[in-house]
Amino acid sequence: MPDMSASVSLAVTHLVPLAKEVDENKVTPGVLGFIVFAVMALAVWGLMKSMSKHMQKVDFKESPDAGAEPVGTKADSTARQS
């Protein structure tokens, strides 16, 4: 265990100067940015799940119209009248 604490303290001593180099005037997203991003990601996930559920209910087969004539009868009737 003493070896591990020595390596941790060595890593911390090297990381502290790197942390000091961060410009304090820069704008970073922070926790609020993460929360907004996470909420948006959850909203998109929910919308995709809902869309998938609705798309499974859609019947892509076209049903014939009840009042429409069969395909061949209109052409035959116009040909006979001429």
N, C-alpha and C. Protein backbone atom coordinates (compact mmCIF):
# COMPACT_ATOMS: atom_id res chain seq x y z
N MET A 1 0.80 -1.20 0.00
CA MET A 1 0.00 0.00 0.00
C MET A 1 0.85 1.27 0.00
N PRO A 2 2.00 1.32 0.62
CA PRO A 2 2.78 2.56 0.63
C PRO A 2 3.17 2.98 -0.79
N ASP A 3 3.39 2.00 -1.66
CA ASP A 3 3.74 2.32 -3.04
C ASP A 3 2.60 3.05 -3.74
N MET A 4 1.40 2.62 -3.47
CA MET A 4 0.25 3.21 -4.13
C MET A 4 0.06 4.67 -3.70
N SER A 5 0.19 4.95 -2.43
CA SER A 5 0.02 6.33 -1.96
C SER A 5 1.13 7.23 -2.50
N ALA A 6 2.31 6.68 -2.67
CA ALA A 6 3.40 7.46 -3.24
C ALA A 6 3.12 7.80 -4.69
N SER A 7 2.59 6.84 -5.44
CA SER A 7 2.29 7.10 -6.86
C SER A 7 1.12 8.07 -6.99
N VAL A 8 0.16 7.97 -6.05
CA VAL A 8 -0.97 8.90 -6.09
C VAL A 8 -0.50 10.31 -5.79
N SER A 9 0.34 10.46 -4.79
CA SER A 9 0.84 11.80 -4.45
C SER A 9 1.70 12.36 -5.58
N LEU A 10 2.44 11.50 -6.26
CA LEU A 10 3.25 11.93 -7.40
C LEU A 10 2.34 12.40 -8.54
N ALA A 11 1.26 11.66 -8.79
CA ALA A 11 0.31 12.05 -9.84
C ALA A 11 -0.37 13.37 -9.49
N VAL A 12 -0.72 13.55 -8.22
CA VAL A 12 -1.37 14.79 -7.80
C VAL A 12 -0.42 15.96 -7.95
N THR A 13 0.83 15.78 -7.61
CA THR A 13 1.80 16.88 -7.74
C THR A 13 2.00 17.27 -9.19
N HIS A 14 1.85 16.33 -10.11
CA HIS A 14 1.97 16.66 -11.54
C HIS A 14 0.69 17.27 -12.09
N LEU A 15 -0.45 16.92 -11.52
CA LEU A 15 -1.72 17.43 -12.03
C LEU A 15 -2.07 18.81 -11.48
N VAL A 16 -1.59 19.15 -10.31
CA VAL A 16 -1.91 20.44 -9.71
C VAL A 16 -1.41 21.60 -10.58
N PRO A 17 -0.17 21.56 -11.09
CA PRO A 17 0.24 22.66 -11.97
C PRO A 17 -0.62 22.74 -13.25
N LEU A 18 -1.08 21.60 -13.75
CA LEU A 18 -1.93 21.62 -14.93
C LEU A 18 -3.26 22.29 -14.62
N ALA A 19 -3.78 22.06 -13.43
CA ALA A 19 -5.03 22.68 -13.03
C ALA A 19 -4.86 24.18 -12.86
N LYS A 20 -3.69 24.63 -12.44
CA LYS A 20 -3.44 26.06 -12.26
C LYS A 20 -3.38 26.78 -13.61
N GLU A 21 -3.02 26.04 -14.68
CA GLU A 21 -2.91 26.66 -16.00
C GLU A 21 -4.26 26.94 -16.63
N VAL A 22 -5.34 26.40 -16.08
CA VAL A 22 -6.67 26.63 -16.63
C VAL A 22 -7.03 28.10 -16.45
N ASP A 23 -7.43 28.73 -17.54
CA ASP A 23 -7.80 30.14 -17.49
C ASP A 23 -9.13 30.30 -16.77
N GLU A 24 -9.15 31.09 -15.71
CA GLU A 24 -10.37 31.26 -14.93
C GLU A 24 -11.39 32.12 -15.64
N ASN A 25 -11.01 32.81 -16.71
CA ASN A 25 -11.94 33.67 -17.44
C ASN A 25 -12.68 32.92 -18.56
N LYS A 26 -12.30 31.67 -18.79
CA LYS A 26 -12.98 30.90 -19.83
C LYS A 26 -14.33 30.41 -19.32
N VAL A 27 -15.27 30.34 -20.23
CA VAL A 27 -16.59 29.84 -19.88
C VAL A 27 -16.61 28.34 -20.14
N THR A 28 -17.03 27.57 -19.17
CA THR A 28 -17.15 26.12 -19.31
C THR A 28 -18.60 25.74 -19.02
N PRO A 29 -19.06 24.63 -19.61
CA PRO A 29 -20.46 24.25 -19.41
C PRO A 29 -20.79 23.88 -17.97
N GLY A 30 -19.90 23.23 -17.29
CA GLY A 30 -20.12 22.89 -15.90
C GLY A 30 -21.24 21.90 -15.68
N VAL A 31 -21.74 21.86 -14.47
CA VAL A 31 -22.78 20.91 -14.09
C VAL A 31 -24.10 21.25 -14.77
N LEU A 32 -24.43 22.53 -14.87
CA LEU A 32 -25.68 22.92 -15.51
C LEU A 32 -25.71 22.48 -16.97
N GLY A 33 -24.60 22.62 -17.67
CA GLY A 33 -24.53 22.17 -19.06
C GLY A 33 -24.72 20.67 -19.18
N PHE A 34 -24.15 19.92 -18.25
CA PHE A 34 -24.32 18.47 -18.27
C PHE A 34 -25.77 18.10 -18.01
N ILE A 35 -26.41 18.79 -17.06
CA ILE A 35 -27.80 18.47 -16.73
C ILE A 35 -28.71 18.78 -17.92
N VAL A 36 -28.49 19.91 -18.58
CA VAL A 36 -29.29 20.26 -19.76
C VAL A 36 -29.09 19.23 -20.85
N PHE A 37 -27.85 18.84 -21.09
CA PHE A 37 -27.56 17.85 -22.12
C PHE A 37 -28.20 16.50 -21.78
N ALA A 38 -28.14 16.10 -20.53
CA ALA A 38 -28.73 14.82 -20.12
C ALA A 38 -30.25 14.86 -20.28
N VAL A 39 -30.89 15.97 -19.93
CA VAL A 39 -32.34 16.09 -20.08
C VAL A 39 -32.72 16.03 -21.56
N MET A 40 -31.96 16.71 -22.40
CA MET A 40 -32.24 16.67 -23.84
C MET A 40 -32.05 15.26 -24.40
N ALA A 41 -31.02 14.57 -23.94
CA ALA A 41 -30.78 13.20 -24.41
C ALA A 41 -31.93 12.28 -23.99
N LEU A 42 -32.41 12.43 -22.76
CA LEU A 42 -33.55 11.63 -22.30
C LEU A 42 -34.82 11.96 -23.09
N ALA A 43 -35.01 13.23 -23.42
CA ALA A 43 -36.19 13.63 -24.20
C ALA A 43 -36.14 13.02 -25.60
N VAL A 44 -34.97 13.05 -26.23
CA VAL A 44 -34.84 12.46 -27.57
C VAL A 44 -35.06 10.96 -27.50
N TRP A 45 -34.53 10.31 -26.48
CA TRP A 45 -34.73 8.87 -26.31
C TRP A 45 -36.21 8.56 -26.16
N GLY A 46 -36.91 9.34 -25.34
CA GLY A 46 -38.35 9.11 -25.15
C GLY A 46 -39.13 9.33 -26.42
N LEU A 47 -38.79 10.38 -27.18
CA LEU A 47 -39.47 10.64 -28.44
C LEU A 47 -39.23 9.52 -29.45
N MET A 48 -38.01 9.01 -29.52
CA MET A 48 -37.70 7.92 -30.45
C MET A 48 -38.46 6.66 -30.06
N LYS A 49 -38.55 6.40 -28.77
CA LYS A 49 -39.28 5.22 -28.30
C LYS A 49 -40.77 5.36 -28.64
N SER A 50 -41.32 6.55 -28.45
CA SER A 50 -42.73 6.79 -28.76
C SER A 50 -42.97 6.67 -30.27
N MET A 51 -42.05 7.22 -31.07
CA MET A 51 -42.21 7.15 -32.52
C MET A 51 -42.15 5.70 -32.99
N SER A 52 -41.28 4.93 -32.41
CA SER A 52 -41.17 3.51 -32.77
C SER A 52 -42.47 2.79 -32.45
N LYS A 53 -43.05 3.09 -31.31
CA LYS A 53 -44.31 2.46 -30.91
C LYS A 53 -45.44 2.83 -31.88
N HIS A 54 -45.48 4.11 -32.27
CA HIS A 54 -46.52 4.56 -33.20
C HIS A 54 -46.31 4.00 -34.60
N MET A 55 -45.07 3.86 -35.01
CA MET A 55 -44.79 3.32 -36.35
C MET A 55 -45.17 1.85 -36.44
N GLN A 56 -45.11 1.12 -35.34
CA GLN A 56 -45.51 -0.28 -35.36
C GLN A 56 -47.02 -0.42 -35.54
N LYS A 57 -47.78 0.61 -35.16
CA LYS A 57 -49.24 0.57 -35.30
C LYS A 57 -49.69 0.88 -36.72
N VAL A 58 -48.82 1.49 -37.54
CA VAL A 58 -49.20 1.91 -38.89
C VAL A 58 -49.32 0.69 -39.79
N ASP A 59 -50.44 0.64 -40.55
CA ASP A 59 -50.64 -0.43 -41.53
C ASP A 59 -50.24 0.11 -42.89
N PHE A 60 -49.17 -0.42 -43.45
CA PHE A 60 -48.64 0.10 -44.70
C PHE A 60 -49.35 -0.46 -45.93
N LYS A 61 -50.21 -1.45 -45.76
CA LYS A 61 -50.93 -2.01 -46.90
C LYS A 61 -52.10 -1.10 -47.23
N GLU A 62 -52.25 -0.77 -48.51
CA GLU A 62 -53.32 0.12 -48.92
C GLU A 62 -54.61 -0.68 -49.05
N SER A 63 -55.65 -0.23 -48.37
CA SER A 63 -56.93 -0.92 -48.45
C SER A 63 -57.73 -0.33 -49.61
N PRO A 64 -58.46 -1.14 -50.34
CA PRO A 64 -59.25 -0.63 -51.47
C PRO A 64 -60.40 0.22 -50.97
N ASP A 65 -60.74 1.26 -51.75
CA ASP A 65 -61.86 2.12 -51.39
C ASP A 65 -63.17 1.36 -51.60
N ALA A 66 -64.12 1.57 -50.70
CA ALA A 66 -65.39 0.85 -50.78
C ALA A 66 -66.24 1.34 -51.95
N GLY A 67 -66.20 2.66 -52.26
CA GLY A 67 -67.05 3.21 -53.31
C GLY A 67 -66.38 3.23 -54.68
N ALA A 68 -65.14 2.85 -54.78
CA ALA A 68 -64.42 2.93 -56.05
C ALA A 68 -64.77 1.74 -56.94
N GLU A 69 -64.76 2.00 -58.24
CA GLU A 69 -65.02 0.92 -59.20
C GLU A 69 -63.77 0.05 -59.33
N PRO A 70 -63.94 -1.19 -59.72
CA PRO A 70 -62.76 -2.02 -60.00
C PRO A 70 -61.94 -1.39 -61.12
N VAL A 71 -60.67 -1.72 -61.18
CA VAL A 71 -59.73 -1.07 -62.07
C VAL A 71 -60.12 -1.20 -63.53
N GLY A 72 -60.53 -2.35 -63.98
CA GLY A 72 -60.80 -2.58 -65.40
C GLY A 72 -62.14 -2.08 -65.87
N THR A 73 -63.12 -1.84 -65.04
CA THR A 73 -64.48 -1.52 -65.49
C THR A 73 -64.58 -0.11 -66.05
N LYS A 74 -63.88 0.87 -65.55
CA LYS A 74 -63.98 2.24 -66.05
C LYS A 74 -63.42 2.33 -67.46
N ALA A 75 -62.32 1.72 -67.72
CA ALA A 75 -61.71 1.74 -69.04
C ALA A 75 -62.62 1.02 -70.04
N ASP A 76 -63.24 -0.08 -69.63
CA ASP A 76 -64.14 -0.83 -70.53
C ASP A 76 -65.39 0.00 -70.83
N SER A 77 -65.93 0.71 -69.85
CA SER A 77 -67.17 1.45 -70.08
C SER A 77 -66.91 2.64 -71.00
N THR A 78 -65.78 3.31 -70.87
CA THR A 78 -65.49 4.43 -71.78
C THR A 78 -65.19 3.94 -73.18
N ALA A 79 -64.62 2.79 -73.31
CA ALA A 79 -64.33 2.24 -74.63
C ALA A 79 -65.61 1.84 -75.33
N ARG A 80 -66.59 1.33 -74.62
CA ARG A 80 -67.86 0.90 -75.21
C ARG A 80 -68.71 2.09 -75.66
N GLN A 81 -68.61 3.22 -74.94
CA GLN A 81 -69.42 4.38 -75.29
C GLN A 81 -68.95 5.03 -76.60
N SER A 82 -67.71 4.90 -76.96
CA SER A 82 -67.17 5.54 -78.15
C SER A 82 -67.60 4.91 -79.41
